[in-house]
Amino acid sequence: MLGRLAVDKQFQHRGIGRLLIYKAMEWVCESPIGVKVLLVRAKNDKVKNFYTGLVWVFLHLT
């Protein structure tokens, strides 16, 4: 389980966040566990736009 993921402001806009997400997705896909879920709570529009740029689909769960 990965609780929170962030890139320090001085290192943002260098592709590090994208790389971290892709590595996390790779790790999940390689897992022998049968059911795989990646859940993101985008707390603001900047974060939501980041994941949308990675072609993630947002579900509004209540």
Foldseek 3Di string as FASTA:
>chain_A
DDDDDDDPPVPPPPCPSVVVVVVVVVVQVPDPDPDGDDDDDQPDPVSVVVVVVVVDDDDDDD
